Amino acid sequence: MINKLKIGDLLQSKFDKRFHKVTKLTKTKVFYSDNEDGTGVVNSVSESVLIECFDFKIPKEEVLIFKEEKKPLFLVMQKVWFDEIESGNKDIEYRDDTDFYRSRLCKRDKNGKMIGFRNYKTIILQEGYNAGARRMIIELKKIVLDDIFKIHLGKILERQNFDRANAPKRKPSEKPRKPRQSKKKSLSIQEKLNNRRGKMSKRKI
């Protein structure tokens, strides 16, 4: 987690919810101020204590509201999680903090620094990659980066392809399948007899 932090980032205590500004970073420790504005006593913690006691937050002064995205966020997921969301048992979708998801979920400045989240209003969730897969269009409440991305979901606006009888079917391949060819070479009767004689002679020896 230390390698993801930068000087000026904010840490929020999991206990009293206070914010603390990162003032210095080393390979093994994070130094942070007692107050959000960088003033007060400077403390330091190791990475294990940091993960246990703090949440990573984007500095408040850098959280910007961007223009609404033209297209909804699109994510593919496994059936088990799709069903959990559809039934209402799951209202947060988790994604790893990788460059791929940062490019899809975050806004960056010219220097590549993360300055906020993309302004998605809706999200399309799809069950797998098959043609005619079930989809849901869902209200997207907010995106939070807390070591991993947490995508908070709202109400389901539309369900698509839930009627399996009328769902689009996969198109058959235009190219006919070639018959499988046996990898084993077919032997003549004489070759088979010679092989058998060779095995019997080895047994006598």
N, C-alpha and C. Protein backbone atom coordinates (compact mmCIF):
# COMPACT_ATOMS: atom_id res chain seq x y z
N MET A 1 0.83 -1.21 0.00
CA MET A 1 0.00 0.00 0.00
C MET A 1 0.86 1.26 0.00
N ILE A 2 2.07 1.20 0.62
CA ILE A 2 2.93 2.37 0.71
C ILE A 2 3.29 2.89 -0.68
N ASN A 3 3.57 1.96 -1.61
CA ASN A 3 3.98 2.40 -2.95
C ASN A 3 2.86 3.08 -3.72
N LYS A 4 1.62 3.01 -3.22
CA LYS A 4 0.50 3.68 -3.88
C LYS A 4 0.26 5.09 -3.33
N LEU A 5 0.90 5.42 -2.20
CA LEU A 5 0.69 6.71 -1.57
C LEU A 5 1.66 7.76 -2.13
N LYS A 6 1.26 9.01 -1.99
CA LYS A 6 2.10 10.14 -2.37
C LYS A 6 2.02 11.18 -1.27
N ILE A 7 3.05 12.01 -1.16
CA ILE A 7 3.02 13.09 -0.18
C ILE A 7 1.85 14.03 -0.51
N GLY A 8 1.06 14.31 0.50
CA GLY A 8 -0.13 15.14 0.30
C GLY A 8 -1.42 14.35 0.31
N ASP A 9 -1.33 13.02 0.13
CA ASP A 9 -2.53 12.19 0.21
C ASP A 9 -3.07 12.18 1.64
N LEU A 10 -4.33 11.84 1.76
CA LEU A 10 -4.97 11.81 3.07
C LEU A 10 -5.22 10.38 3.53
N LEU A 11 -5.02 10.16 4.81
CA LEU A 11 -5.34 8.89 5.45
C LEU A 11 -6.47 9.15 6.43
N GLN A 12 -7.48 8.29 6.41
CA GLN A 12 -8.59 8.44 7.34
C GLN A 12 -8.55 7.33 8.38
N SER A 13 -8.54 7.72 9.63
CA SER A 13 -8.50 6.74 10.72
C SER A 13 -9.77 5.91 10.72
N LYS A 14 -9.62 4.61 10.87
CA LYS A 14 -10.78 3.71 10.94
C LYS A 14 -11.50 3.81 12.28
N PHE A 15 -10.88 4.47 13.23
CA PHE A 15 -11.44 4.51 14.58
C PHE A 15 -12.21 5.80 14.86
N ASP A 16 -11.59 6.96 14.61
CA ASP A 16 -12.28 8.23 14.88
C ASP A 16 -12.66 8.99 13.61
N LYS A 17 -12.33 8.39 12.42
CA LYS A 17 -12.69 8.96 11.12
C LYS A 17 -12.01 10.31 10.83
N ARG A 18 -10.97 10.66 11.57
CA ARG A 18 -10.23 11.89 11.31
C ARG A 18 -9.28 11.70 10.14
N PHE A 19 -9.01 12.82 9.43
CA PHE A 19 -8.09 12.77 8.29
C PHE A 19 -6.70 13.24 8.73
N HIS A 20 -5.68 12.61 8.13
CA HIS A 20 -4.29 12.95 8.40
C HIS A 20 -3.55 13.03 7.06
N LYS A 21 -2.69 14.04 6.92
CA LYS A 21 -1.98 14.24 5.65
C LYS A 21 -0.62 13.55 5.67
N VAL A 22 -0.32 12.84 4.58
CA VAL A 22 0.98 12.19 4.44
C VAL A 22 2.04 13.25 4.20
N THR A 23 3.10 13.26 5.03
CA THR A 23 4.15 14.28 4.93
C THR A 23 5.48 13.72 4.43
N LYS A 24 5.69 12.40 4.59
CA LYS A 24 6.96 11.81 4.18
C LYS A 24 6.75 10.32 3.96
N LEU A 25 7.50 9.74 3.02
CA LEU A 25 7.39 8.32 2.71
C LEU A 25 8.78 7.70 2.63
N THR A 26 8.92 6.52 3.22
CA THR A 26 10.14 5.72 3.04
C THR A 26 9.69 4.35 2.55
N LYS A 27 10.64 3.45 2.37
CA LYS A 27 10.30 2.12 1.87
C LYS A 27 9.47 1.32 2.88
N THR A 28 9.64 1.61 4.16
CA THR A 28 8.98 0.80 5.20
C THR A 28 8.00 1.58 6.06
N LYS A 29 8.03 2.93 6.01
CA LYS A 29 7.19 3.71 6.91
C LYS A 29 6.49 4.86 6.19
N VAL A 30 5.36 5.26 6.77
CA VAL A 30 4.61 6.42 6.31
C VAL A 30 4.55 7.43 7.45
N PHE A 31 4.92 8.66 7.15
CA PHE A 31 4.86 9.74 8.14
C PHE A 31 3.64 10.60 7.83
N TYR A 32 2.85 10.91 8.85
CA TYR A 32 1.62 11.67 8.63
C TYR A 32 1.44 12.68 9.76
N SER A 33 0.76 13.77 9.43
CA SER A 33 0.52 14.83 10.41
C SER A 33 -0.70 14.50 11.26
N ASP A 34 -0.77 15.17 12.40
CA ASP A 34 -1.90 14.95 13.30
C ASP A 34 -3.18 15.57 12.77
N ASN A 35 -3.02 16.59 11.91
CA ASN A 35 -4.17 17.30 11.38
C ASN A 35 -4.26 17.16 9.86
N GLU A 36 -5.44 17.41 9.34
CA GLU A 36 -5.69 17.26 7.92
C GLU A 36 -4.91 18.24 7.06
N ASP A 37 -4.63 19.42 7.60
CA ASP A 37 -3.93 20.45 6.82
C ASP A 37 -2.42 20.32 6.88
N GLY A 38 -1.92 19.25 7.52
CA GLY A 38 -0.48 19.04 7.58
C GLY A 38 0.19 19.57 8.82
N THR A 39 -0.57 20.20 9.71
CA THR A 39 0.00 20.75 10.94
C THR A 39 -0.10 19.73 12.07
N GLY A 40 0.54 20.07 13.17
CA GLY A 40 0.48 19.21 14.35
C GLY A 40 1.63 18.23 14.41
N VAL A 41 1.55 17.33 15.36
CA VAL A 41 2.59 16.33 15.58
C VAL A 41 2.66 15.38 14.40
N VAL A 42 3.89 15.04 13.99
CA VAL A 42 4.10 14.09 12.90
C VAL A 42 4.35 12.71 13.48
N ASN A 43 3.57 11.73 13.02
CA ASN A 43 3.70 10.35 13.48
C ASN A 43 4.14 9.47 12.32
N SER A 44 4.55 8.25 12.63
CA SER A 44 4.95 7.31 11.58
C SER A 44 4.41 5.93 11.92
N VAL A 45 4.09 5.16 10.87
CA VAL A 45 3.59 3.79 11.05
C VAL A 45 4.18 2.90 9.97
N SER A 46 4.25 1.60 10.27
CA SER A 46 4.68 0.62 9.28
C SER A 46 3.50 0.29 8.37
N GLU A 47 3.76 -0.45 7.31
CA GLU A 47 2.70 -0.77 6.34
C GLU A 47 1.62 -1.63 6.97
N SER A 48 1.98 -2.60 7.82
CA SER A 48 0.98 -3.47 8.44
C SER A 48 0.03 -2.68 9.34
N VAL A 49 0.58 -1.74 10.12
CA VAL A 49 -0.27 -0.90 10.98
C VAL A 49 -1.10 0.05 10.13
N LEU A 50 -0.52 0.55 9.05
CA LEU A 50 -1.23 1.46 8.15
C LEU A 50 -2.49 0.80 7.60
N ILE A 51 -2.36 -0.44 7.12
CA ILE A 51 -3.51 -1.16 6.56
C ILE A 51 -4.55 -1.44 7.62
N GLU A 52 -4.10 -1.73 8.82
CA GLU A 52 -5.01 -2.09 9.92
C GLU A 52 -5.78 -0.89 10.45
N CYS A 53 -5.15 0.30 10.45
CA CYS A 53 -5.73 1.45 11.15
C CYS A 53 -6.26 2.56 10.25
N PHE A 54 -5.88 2.54 8.95
CA PHE A 54 -6.26 3.67 8.10
C PHE A 54 -6.89 3.23 6.80
N ASP A 55 -7.72 4.13 6.25
CA ASP A 55 -8.25 3.99 4.89
C ASP A 55 -7.58 5.05 4.02
N PHE A 56 -7.31 4.67 2.77
CA PHE A 56 -6.71 5.62 1.83
C PHE A 56 -7.81 6.45 1.19
N LYS A 57 -7.62 7.75 1.17
CA LYS A 57 -8.59 8.66 0.57
C LYS A 57 -7.90 9.64 -0.37
N ILE A 58 -8.61 10.03 -1.42
CA ILE A 58 -8.10 11.10 -2.28
C ILE A 58 -8.25 12.41 -1.50
N PRO A 59 -7.23 13.27 -1.51
CA PRO A 59 -7.35 14.56 -0.81
C PRO A 59 -8.61 15.32 -1.21
N LYS A 60 -9.31 15.83 -0.22
CA LYS A 60 -10.58 16.50 -0.48
C LYS A 60 -10.46 17.64 -1.49
N GLU A 61 -9.34 18.38 -1.41
CA GLU A 61 -9.20 19.52 -2.30
C GLU A 61 -9.01 19.09 -3.75
N GLU A 62 -8.73 17.80 -3.98
CA GLU A 62 -8.49 17.34 -5.34
C GLU A 62 -9.67 16.56 -5.91
N VAL A 63 -10.72 16.36 -5.12
CA VAL A 63 -11.90 15.65 -5.61
C VAL A 63 -12.72 16.62 -6.46
N LEU A 64 -12.80 16.35 -7.73
CA LEU A 64 -13.49 17.23 -8.66
C LEU A 64 -14.70 16.53 -9.25
N ILE A 65 -15.70 17.29 -9.63
CA ILE A 65 -16.88 16.74 -10.29
C ILE A 65 -16.71 16.96 -11.79
N PHE A 66 -16.67 15.88 -12.53
CA PHE A 66 -16.42 15.97 -13.96
C PHE A 66 -17.73 15.83 -14.75
N LYS A 67 -17.65 16.18 -15.99
CA LYS A 67 -18.80 16.07 -16.89
C LYS A 67 -19.25 14.62 -16.97
N GLU A 68 -20.56 14.42 -17.03
CA GLU A 68 -21.11 13.07 -17.07
C GLU A 68 -20.61 12.30 -18.29
N GLU A 69 -20.22 11.06 -18.08
CA GLU A 69 -19.74 10.22 -19.16
C GLU A 69 -20.87 9.94 -20.15
N LYS A 70 -20.53 9.91 -21.44
CA LYS A 70 -21.55 9.70 -22.47
C LYS A 70 -22.10 8.28 -22.44
N LYS A 71 -21.22 7.32 -22.12
CA LYS A 71 -21.63 5.93 -22.09
C LYS A 71 -21.60 5.40 -20.66
N PRO A 72 -22.47 4.45 -20.32
CA PRO A 72 -22.42 3.87 -18.97
C PRO A 72 -21.18 3.00 -18.78
N LEU A 73 -20.81 2.79 -17.55
CA LEU A 73 -19.72 1.87 -17.23
C LEU A 73 -20.17 0.45 -17.56
N PHE A 74 -19.30 -0.34 -18.17
CA PHE A 74 -19.66 -1.71 -18.58
C PHE A 74 -18.72 -2.70 -17.91
N LEU A 75 -19.28 -3.64 -17.16
CA LEU A 75 -18.49 -4.66 -16.47
C LEU A 75 -19.09 -6.03 -16.72
N VAL A 76 -18.21 -7.01 -16.88
CA VAL A 76 -18.62 -8.41 -17.03
C VAL A 76 -18.29 -9.15 -15.73
N MET A 77 -19.18 -10.04 -15.32
CA MET A 77 -18.96 -10.75 -14.05
C MET A 77 -19.49 -12.18 -14.12
N GLN A 78 -19.13 -12.95 -13.12
CA GLN A 78 -19.57 -14.35 -13.03
C GLN A 78 -21.04 -14.41 -12.61
N LYS A 79 -21.66 -15.54 -12.91
CA LYS A 79 -23.09 -15.73 -12.63
C LYS A 79 -23.42 -15.57 -11.15
N VAL A 80 -22.56 -16.10 -10.28
CA VAL A 80 -22.86 -16.09 -8.84
C VAL A 80 -23.00 -14.67 -8.32
N TRP A 81 -22.11 -13.75 -8.78
CA TRP A 81 -22.19 -12.36 -8.31
C TRP A 81 -23.30 -11.61 -9.02
N PHE A 82 -23.55 -11.95 -10.27
CA PHE A 82 -24.66 -11.34 -11.02
C PHE A 82 -25.98 -11.63 -10.31
N ASP A 83 -26.17 -12.88 -9.89
CA ASP A 83 -27.41 -13.27 -9.21
C ASP A 83 -27.54 -12.60 -7.85
N GLU A 84 -26.40 -12.44 -7.15
CA GLU A 84 -26.42 -11.80 -5.84
C GLU A 84 -26.87 -10.34 -5.96
N ILE A 85 -26.40 -9.66 -6.99
CA ILE A 85 -26.80 -8.27 -7.20
C ILE A 85 -28.26 -8.19 -7.64
N GLU A 86 -28.67 -9.09 -8.52
CA GLU A 86 -30.04 -9.08 -9.02
C GLU A 86 -31.05 -9.34 -7.91
N SER A 87 -30.67 -10.16 -6.93
CA SER A 87 -31.57 -10.48 -5.82
C SER A 87 -31.56 -9.42 -4.72
N GLY A 88 -30.61 -8.48 -4.81
CA GLY A 88 -30.53 -7.43 -3.81
C GLY A 88 -29.62 -7.73 -2.64
N ASN A 89 -28.97 -8.89 -2.65
CA ASN A 89 -28.09 -9.27 -1.55
C ASN A 89 -26.72 -8.59 -1.61
N LYS A 90 -26.37 -8.05 -2.77
CA LYS A 90 -25.06 -7.43 -2.97
C LYS A 90 -25.26 -6.07 -3.63
N ASP A 91 -24.75 -5.01 -3.00
CA ASP A 91 -24.91 -3.67 -3.58
C ASP A 91 -23.58 -2.96 -3.78
N ILE A 92 -22.46 -3.68 -3.65
CA ILE A 92 -21.15 -3.11 -3.92
C ILE A 92 -20.37 -4.10 -4.80
N GLU A 93 -19.84 -3.61 -5.90
CA GLU A 93 -19.01 -4.43 -6.77
C GLU A 93 -17.55 -4.03 -6.56
N TYR A 94 -16.68 -5.02 -6.40
CA TYR A 94 -15.27 -4.76 -6.09
C TYR A 94 -14.40 -5.03 -7.31
N ARG A 95 -13.40 -4.17 -7.51
CA ARG A 95 -12.42 -4.36 -8.58
C ARG A 95 -11.04 -4.00 -8.05
N ASP A 96 -10.02 -4.72 -8.51
CA ASP A 96 -8.65 -4.48 -8.06
C ASP A 96 -8.16 -3.11 -8.49
N ASP A 97 -7.28 -2.55 -7.69
CA ASP A 97 -6.67 -1.26 -8.02
C ASP A 97 -5.51 -1.50 -8.98
N THR A 98 -5.84 -1.60 -10.27
CA THR A 98 -4.85 -1.82 -11.32
C THR A 98 -4.89 -0.65 -12.30
N ASP A 99 -3.88 -0.56 -13.15
CA ASP A 99 -3.85 0.49 -14.16
C ASP A 99 -5.06 0.39 -15.09
N PHE A 100 -5.49 -0.85 -15.36
CA PHE A 100 -6.63 -1.05 -16.26
C PHE A 100 -7.89 -0.39 -15.68
N TYR A 101 -8.19 -0.69 -14.41
CA TYR A 101 -9.40 -0.13 -13.81
C TYR A 101 -9.25 1.35 -13.46
N ARG A 102 -8.03 1.79 -13.20
CA ARG A 102 -7.83 3.23 -12.99
C ARG A 102 -8.15 4.01 -14.26
N SER A 103 -7.80 3.43 -15.42
CA SER A 103 -8.08 4.11 -16.68
C SER A 103 -9.58 4.18 -16.96
N ARG A 104 -10.33 3.21 -16.44
CA ARG A 104 -11.77 3.17 -16.69
C ARG A 104 -12.58 3.92 -15.63
N LEU A 105 -12.05 4.01 -14.43
CA LEU A 105 -12.83 4.58 -13.32
C LEU A 105 -12.35 5.95 -12.88
N CYS A 106 -11.13 6.34 -13.23
CA CYS A 106 -10.54 7.56 -12.68
C CYS A 106 -10.21 8.58 -13.75
N LYS A 107 -10.07 9.81 -13.30
CA LYS A 107 -9.58 10.91 -14.11
C LYS A 107 -8.17 11.25 -13.64
N ARG A 108 -7.29 11.59 -14.59
CA ARG A 108 -5.92 11.95 -14.24
C ARG A 108 -5.54 13.27 -14.88
N ASP A 109 -4.56 13.94 -14.28
CA ASP A 109 -4.08 15.18 -14.85
C ASP A 109 -3.00 14.89 -15.90
N LYS A 110 -2.35 15.92 -16.40
CA LYS A 110 -1.35 15.76 -17.47
C LYS A 110 -0.15 14.94 -17.01
N ASN A 111 0.11 14.96 -15.70
CA ASN A 111 1.24 14.22 -15.15
C ASN A 111 0.89 12.78 -14.77
N GLY A 112 -0.37 12.40 -15.02
CA GLY A 112 -0.81 11.04 -14.71
C GLY A 112 -1.30 10.87 -13.29
N LYS A 113 -1.38 11.97 -12.52
CA LYS A 113 -1.83 11.87 -11.13
C LYS A 113 -3.35 11.79 -11.09
N MET A 114 -3.84 10.90 -10.25
CA MET A 114 -5.28 10.70 -10.10
C MET A 114 -5.91 11.90 -9.40
N ILE A 115 -6.93 12.50 -10.03
CA ILE A 115 -7.55 13.71 -9.48
C ILE A 115 -9.04 13.53 -9.21
N GLY A 116 -9.59 12.38 -9.46
CA GLY A 116 -11.01 12.14 -9.20
C GLY A 116 -11.52 10.94 -9.95
N PHE A 117 -12.84 10.73 -9.87
CA PHE A 117 -13.46 9.57 -10.52
C PHE A 117 -14.31 10.02 -11.71
N ARG A 118 -14.42 9.16 -12.68
CA ARG A 118 -15.28 9.43 -13.83
C ARG A 118 -16.74 9.51 -13.36
N ASN A 119 -17.49 10.41 -13.97
CA ASN A 119 -18.86 10.68 -13.54
C ASN A 119 -19.84 9.78 -14.30
N TYR A 120 -19.91 8.52 -13.87
CA TYR A 120 -20.88 7.59 -14.44
C TYR A 120 -22.19 7.70 -13.64
N LYS A 121 -23.30 7.71 -14.36
CA LYS A 121 -24.61 7.71 -13.72
C LYS A 121 -25.22 6.31 -13.68
N THR A 122 -24.83 5.49 -14.66
CA THR A 122 -25.36 4.12 -14.72
C THR A 122 -24.23 3.15 -15.03
N ILE A 123 -24.50 1.89 -14.75
CA ILE A 123 -23.54 0.82 -15.02
C ILE A 123 -24.28 -0.35 -15.64
N ILE A 124 -23.67 -0.96 -16.65
CA ILE A 124 -24.24 -2.17 -17.27
C ILE A 124 -23.44 -3.36 -16.78
N LEU A 125 -24.10 -4.29 -16.15
CA LEU A 125 -23.48 -5.52 -15.68
C LEU A 125 -23.91 -6.66 -16.59
N GLN A 126 -22.97 -7.44 -17.06
CA GLN A 126 -23.26 -8.55 -17.96
C GLN A 126 -22.76 -9.86 -17.37
N GLU A 127 -23.56 -10.89 -17.49
CA GLU A 127 -23.21 -12.21 -16.98
C GLU A 127 -22.42 -12.98 -18.04
N GLY A 128 -21.11 -12.99 -17.91
CA GLY A 128 -20.27 -13.73 -18.85
C GLY A 128 -20.17 -13.06 -20.20
N TYR A 129 -19.55 -13.80 -21.14
CA TYR A 129 -19.25 -13.23 -22.47
C TYR A 129 -20.10 -13.85 -23.58
N ASN A 130 -21.01 -14.75 -23.26
CA ASN A 130 -21.78 -15.43 -24.30
C ASN A 130 -22.75 -14.48 -25.00
N ALA A 131 -23.05 -14.79 -26.25
CA ALA A 131 -24.04 -14.02 -26.99
C ALA A 131 -25.40 -14.15 -26.31
N GLY A 132 -26.11 -13.06 -26.17
CA GLY A 132 -27.41 -13.09 -25.51
C GLY A 132 -27.32 -13.20 -24.01
N ALA A 133 -26.18 -12.88 -23.42
CA ALA A 133 -26.01 -12.97 -21.96
C ALA A 133 -26.93 -11.99 -21.25
N ARG A 134 -27.33 -12.34 -20.05
CA ARG A 134 -28.19 -11.47 -19.27
C ARG A 134 -27.45 -10.18 -18.91
N ARG A 135 -28.21 -9.09 -18.88
CA ARG A 135 -27.66 -7.79 -18.54
C ARG A 135 -28.59 -7.06 -17.59
N MET A 136 -27.99 -6.18 -16.79
CA MET A 136 -28.76 -5.27 -15.95
C MET A 136 -28.18 -3.86 -16.09
N ILE A 137 -29.06 -2.90 -16.25
CA ILE A 137 -28.66 -1.50 -16.20
C ILE A 137 -29.02 -0.99 -14.81
N ILE A 138 -28.01 -0.53 -14.07
CA ILE A 138 -28.18 -0.19 -12.66
C ILE A 138 -27.70 1.22 -12.40
N GLU A 139 -28.36 1.88 -11.49
CA GLU A 139 -27.93 3.20 -11.04
C GLU A 139 -26.57 3.08 -10.33
N LEU A 140 -25.64 3.96 -10.68
CA LEU A 140 -24.33 3.96 -10.02
C LEU A 140 -24.28 5.14 -9.04
N LYS A 141 -24.19 4.82 -7.76
CA LYS A 141 -24.22 5.86 -6.73
C LYS A 141 -22.88 6.57 -6.59
N LYS A 142 -21.81 5.79 -6.40
CA LYS A 142 -20.50 6.41 -6.23
C LYS A 142 -19.41 5.36 -6.37
N ILE A 143 -18.19 5.85 -6.59
CA ILE A 143 -17.01 4.99 -6.67
C ILE A 143 -16.04 5.43 -5.58
N VAL A 144 -15.52 4.47 -4.84
CA VAL A 144 -14.59 4.76 -3.75
C VAL A 144 -13.33 3.93 -3.95
N LEU A 145 -12.18 4.54 -3.72
CA LEU A 145 -10.91 3.82 -3.75
C LEU A 145 -10.44 3.64 -2.32
N ASP A 146 -10.51 2.40 -1.84
CA ASP A 146 -10.12 2.08 -0.47
C ASP A 146 -9.21 0.86 -0.53
N ASP A 147 -8.00 1.05 -1.08
CA ASP A 147 -7.07 -0.04 -1.37
C ASP A 147 -7.54 -0.84 -2.58
N ILE A 148 -8.85 -1.04 -2.71
CA ILE A 148 -9.46 -1.58 -3.93
C ILE A 148 -10.62 -0.67 -4.31
N PHE A 149 -11.09 -0.79 -5.55
CA PHE A 149 -12.23 0.01 -5.98
C PHE A 149 -13.53 -0.60 -5.45
N LYS A 150 -14.37 0.26 -4.89
CA LYS A 150 -15.70 -0.15 -4.44
C LYS A 150 -16.73 0.65 -5.23
N ILE A 151 -17.51 -0.06 -6.03
CA ILE A 151 -18.52 0.57 -6.88
C ILE A 151 -19.88 0.37 -6.23
N HIS A 152 -20.45 1.44 -5.70
CA HIS A 152 -21.71 1.37 -4.97
C HIS A 152 -22.89 1.43 -5.95
N LEU A 153 -23.74 0.43 -5.86
CA LEU A 153 -24.84 0.29 -6.81
C LEU A 153 -26.16 0.75 -6.21
N GLY A 154 -27.03 1.30 -7.05
CA GLY A 154 -28.36 1.72 -6.63
C GLY A 154 -29.41 0.74 -7.13
N LYS A 155 -30.54 1.28 -7.55
CA LYS A 155 -31.65 0.43 -7.97
C LYS A 155 -31.44 -0.07 -9.40
N ILE A 156 -32.03 -1.21 -9.68
CA ILE A 156 -31.97 -1.79 -11.03
C ILE A 156 -32.97 -1.06 -11.92
N LEU A 157 -32.48 -0.49 -13.01
CA LEU A 157 -33.33 0.29 -13.91
C LEU A 157 -33.92 -0.56 -15.02
N GLU A 158 -33.18 -1.57 -15.46
CA GLU A 158 -33.65 -2.39 -16.58
C GLU A 158 -32.96 -3.75 -16.55
N ARG A 159 -33.73 -4.80 -16.90
CA ARG A 159 -33.20 -6.14 -17.06
C ARG A 159 -33.32 -6.55 -18.52
N GLN A 160 -32.26 -7.13 -19.05
CA GLN A 160 -32.24 -7.51 -20.47
C GLN A 160 -31.86 -8.99 -20.61
N ASN A 161 -32.51 -9.67 -21.57
CA ASN A 161 -32.22 -11.08 -21.90
C ASN A 161 -32.49 -12.03 -20.73
N PHE A 162 -33.43 -11.66 -19.85
CA PHE A 162 -33.78 -12.57 -18.75
C PHE A 162 -34.75 -13.65 -19.22
N ASP A 163 -35.47 -13.39 -20.31
CA ASP A 163 -36.35 -14.41 -20.90
C ASP A 163 -35.48 -15.26 -21.83
N ARG A 164 -35.04 -16.41 -21.34
CA ARG A 164 -34.08 -17.22 -22.09
C ARG A 164 -34.67 -17.77 -23.38
N ALA A 165 -36.01 -17.91 -23.45
CA ALA A 165 -36.64 -18.44 -24.66
C ALA A 165 -36.47 -17.47 -25.83
N ASN A 166 -36.49 -16.17 -25.52
CA ASN A 166 -36.40 -15.18 -26.57
C ASN A 166 -35.00 -14.55 -26.68
N ALA A 167 -34.06 -15.06 -25.91
CA ALA A 167 -32.70 -14.51 -25.93
C ALA A 167 -32.02 -14.83 -27.25
N PRO A 168 -31.20 -13.96 -27.76
CA PRO A 168 -30.48 -14.24 -29.01
C PRO A 168 -29.60 -15.47 -28.87
N LYS A 169 -29.59 -16.28 -29.91
CA LYS A 169 -28.78 -17.50 -29.88
C LYS A 169 -27.48 -17.29 -30.64
N ARG A 170 -26.49 -18.05 -30.24
CA ARG A 170 -25.18 -17.94 -30.88
C ARG A 170 -25.28 -18.40 -32.33
N LYS A 171 -24.70 -17.62 -33.25
CA LYS A 171 -24.76 -17.95 -34.66
C LYS A 171 -23.85 -19.14 -34.97
N PRO A 172 -24.34 -20.07 -35.79
CA PRO A 172 -23.47 -21.19 -36.15
C PRO A 172 -22.30 -20.74 -37.01
N SER A 173 -21.22 -21.46 -36.93
CA SER A 173 -20.03 -21.12 -37.70
C SER A 173 -20.29 -21.31 -39.18
N GLU A 174 -19.79 -20.37 -40.01
CA GLU A 174 -19.97 -20.46 -41.45
C GLU A 174 -19.08 -21.54 -42.06
N LYS A 175 -17.94 -21.80 -41.42
CA LYS A 175 -17.02 -22.81 -41.93
C LYS A 175 -17.38 -24.19 -41.37
N PRO A 176 -17.60 -25.18 -42.25
CA PRO A 176 -17.92 -26.53 -41.75
C PRO A 176 -16.73 -27.14 -41.01
N ARG A 177 -17.05 -27.90 -39.98
CA ARG A 177 -15.99 -28.53 -39.21
C ARG A 177 -15.35 -29.66 -40.00
N LYS A 178 -14.04 -29.74 -39.92
CA LYS A 178 -13.33 -30.82 -40.57
C LYS A 178 -13.36 -32.07 -39.70
N PRO A 179 -13.54 -33.23 -40.30
CA PRO A 179 -13.54 -34.46 -39.49
C PRO A 179 -12.18 -34.66 -38.84
N ARG A 180 -12.23 -35.17 -37.64
CA ARG A 180 -10.98 -35.41 -36.91
C ARG A 180 -10.20 -36.55 -37.54
N GLN A 181 -8.93 -36.33 -37.63
CA GLN A 181 -8.06 -37.37 -38.18
C GLN A 181 -7.30 -38.05 -37.05
N SER A 182 -7.24 -39.34 -37.15
CA SER A 182 -6.54 -40.11 -36.13
C SER A 182 -5.05 -39.82 -36.20
N LYS A 183 -4.45 -39.58 -35.03
CA LYS A 183 -3.03 -39.30 -34.97
C LYS A 183 -2.18 -40.56 -35.15
N LYS A 184 -2.78 -41.73 -34.82
CA LYS A 184 -2.05 -42.97 -34.94
C LYS A 184 -1.98 -43.44 -36.40
N LYS A 185 -0.83 -43.83 -36.80
CA LYS A 185 -0.63 -44.31 -38.16
C LYS A 185 -1.19 -45.73 -38.28
N SER A 186 -2.02 -45.97 -39.30
CA SER A 186 -2.60 -47.30 -39.49
C SER A 186 -1.52 -48.25 -40.04
N LEU A 187 -1.43 -49.44 -39.45
CA LEU A 187 -0.41 -50.42 -39.83
C LEU A 187 -1.02 -51.50 -40.72
N SER A 188 -0.21 -52.00 -41.62
CA SER A 188 -0.66 -53.12 -42.46
C SER A 188 -0.64 -54.40 -41.63
N ILE A 189 -1.26 -55.46 -42.17
CA ILE A 189 -1.31 -56.74 -41.46
C ILE A 189 0.10 -57.29 -41.24
N GLN A 190 0.96 -57.15 -42.26
CA GLN A 190 2.33 -57.65 -42.14
C GLN A 190 3.11 -56.91 -41.05
N GLU A 191 2.90 -55.59 -40.96
CA GLU A 191 3.58 -54.80 -39.92
C GLU A 191 3.11 -55.20 -38.53
N LYS A 192 1.82 -55.48 -38.39
CA LYS A 192 1.29 -55.91 -37.10
C LYS A 192 1.89 -57.24 -36.68
N LEU A 193 2.02 -58.18 -37.66
CA LEU A 193 2.61 -59.49 -37.36
C LEU A 193 4.08 -59.35 -36.94
N ASN A 194 4.81 -58.50 -37.62
CA ASN A 194 6.22 -58.28 -37.28
C ASN A 194 6.38 -57.69 -35.88
N ASN A 195 5.47 -56.77 -35.52
CA ASN A 195 5.52 -56.18 -34.17
C ASN A 195 5.25 -57.22 -33.10
N ARG A 196 4.27 -58.11 -33.39
CA ARG A 196 3.93 -59.15 -32.41
C ARG A 196 5.08 -60.13 -32.25
N ARG A 197 5.72 -60.51 -33.35
CA ARG A 197 6.87 -61.45 -33.29
C ARG A 197 8.02 -60.84 -32.50
N GLY A 198 8.21 -59.48 -32.68
CA GLY A 198 9.28 -58.82 -31.97
C GLY A 198 9.04 -58.84 -30.46
N LYS A 199 7.78 -58.64 -30.03
CA LYS A 199 7.46 -58.66 -28.62
C LYS A 199 7.63 -60.07 -28.04
N MET A 200 7.24 -61.12 -28.81
CA MET A 200 7.36 -62.49 -28.30
C MET A 200 8.83 -62.88 -28.16
N SER A 201 9.68 -62.43 -29.10
CA SER A 201 11.10 -62.77 -29.03
C SER A 201 11.74 -62.12 -27.82
N LYS A 202 11.33 -60.93 -27.47
CA LYS A 202 11.86 -60.25 -26.29
C LYS A 202 11.48 -60.99 -25.01
N ARG A 203 10.28 -61.54 -24.96
CA ARG A 203 9.85 -62.29 -23.78
C ARG A 203 10.70 -63.55 -23.57
N LYS A 204 11.05 -64.25 -24.69
CA LYS A 204 11.85 -65.48 -24.59
C LYS A 204 13.23 -65.17 -24.06
N ILE A 205 13.78 -64.01 -24.45
CA ILE A 205 15.11 -63.62 -23.98
C ILE A 205 15.08 -63.32 -22.48
